[in-house]
Every structure is written in C-alpha cells, then in structure tokens.
Amino acid sequence: MRFWQDLMIFAGIYALVFTWIWRRIHRRRPSGSSHDA
C-alpha cells in the first residue's frame, strides 16, 4: 500500500520538525551558566 509509505515519510518529517522545535523551546531556558546556542 502506498498510503503507508507516505504516512511513514510524513511521520519522519514531523518527528524532525517536532525535535527541532523542542530543542528551540528548551534552548530558551538558561541551563546552568553556559548557553552557547
């Protein structure tokens, strides 16, 4: 089925975007005293 192939690809892209946003949100909080991007 082609539907499952497209779904897996979409899920992979969505996971990458979610991880990128998650890292950006957590980057705002100063962890310790070092915040070099």
Protein backbone atom coordinates (compact mmCIF):
# COMPACT_ATOMS: atom_id res chain seq x y z
CA MET A 1 0.00 0.00 0.00
CA ARG A 2 1.33 3.41 -0.98
CA PHE A 3 -0.63 5.11 1.82
CA TRP A 4 1.60 3.57 4.50
CA GLN A 5 4.74 4.68 2.66
CA ASP A 6 3.56 8.28 2.55
CA LEU A 7 2.46 8.06 6.18
CA MET A 8 5.89 6.86 7.32
CA ILE A 9 7.64 9.62 5.36
CA PHE A 10 5.28 12.25 6.78
CA ALA A 11 5.79 10.87 10.29
CA GLY A 12 9.58 11.09 9.87
CA ILE A 13 9.43 14.72 8.72
CA TYR A 14 7.00 15.59 11.52
CA ALA A 15 9.34 13.96 14.06
CA LEU A 16 12.28 16.03 12.80
CA VAL A 17 10.29 19.27 12.99
CA PHE A 18 8.99 18.40 16.45
CA THR A 19 12.52 17.66 17.69
CA TRP A 20 13.78 20.97 16.23
CA ILE A 21 11.01 22.95 17.93
CA TRP A 22 11.54 21.01 21.19
CA ARG A 23 15.24 21.91 21.18
CA ARG A 24 14.45 25.58 20.47
CA ILE A 25 11.99 25.74 23.37
CA HIS A 26 14.45 24.16 25.78
CA ARG A 27 17.25 26.36 24.50
CA ARG A 28 15.48 29.45 25.82
CA ARG A 29 15.93 28.27 29.40
CA PRO A 30 19.44 29.01 30.70
CA SER A 31 20.80 25.61 31.69
CA GLY A 32 23.45 26.24 34.33
CA SER A 33 25.67 29.16 33.33
CA SER A 34 26.61 28.10 29.80
CA HIS A 35 24.34 28.96 26.90
CA ASP A 36 26.36 28.84 23.71
CA ALA A 37 23.50 28.25 21.23
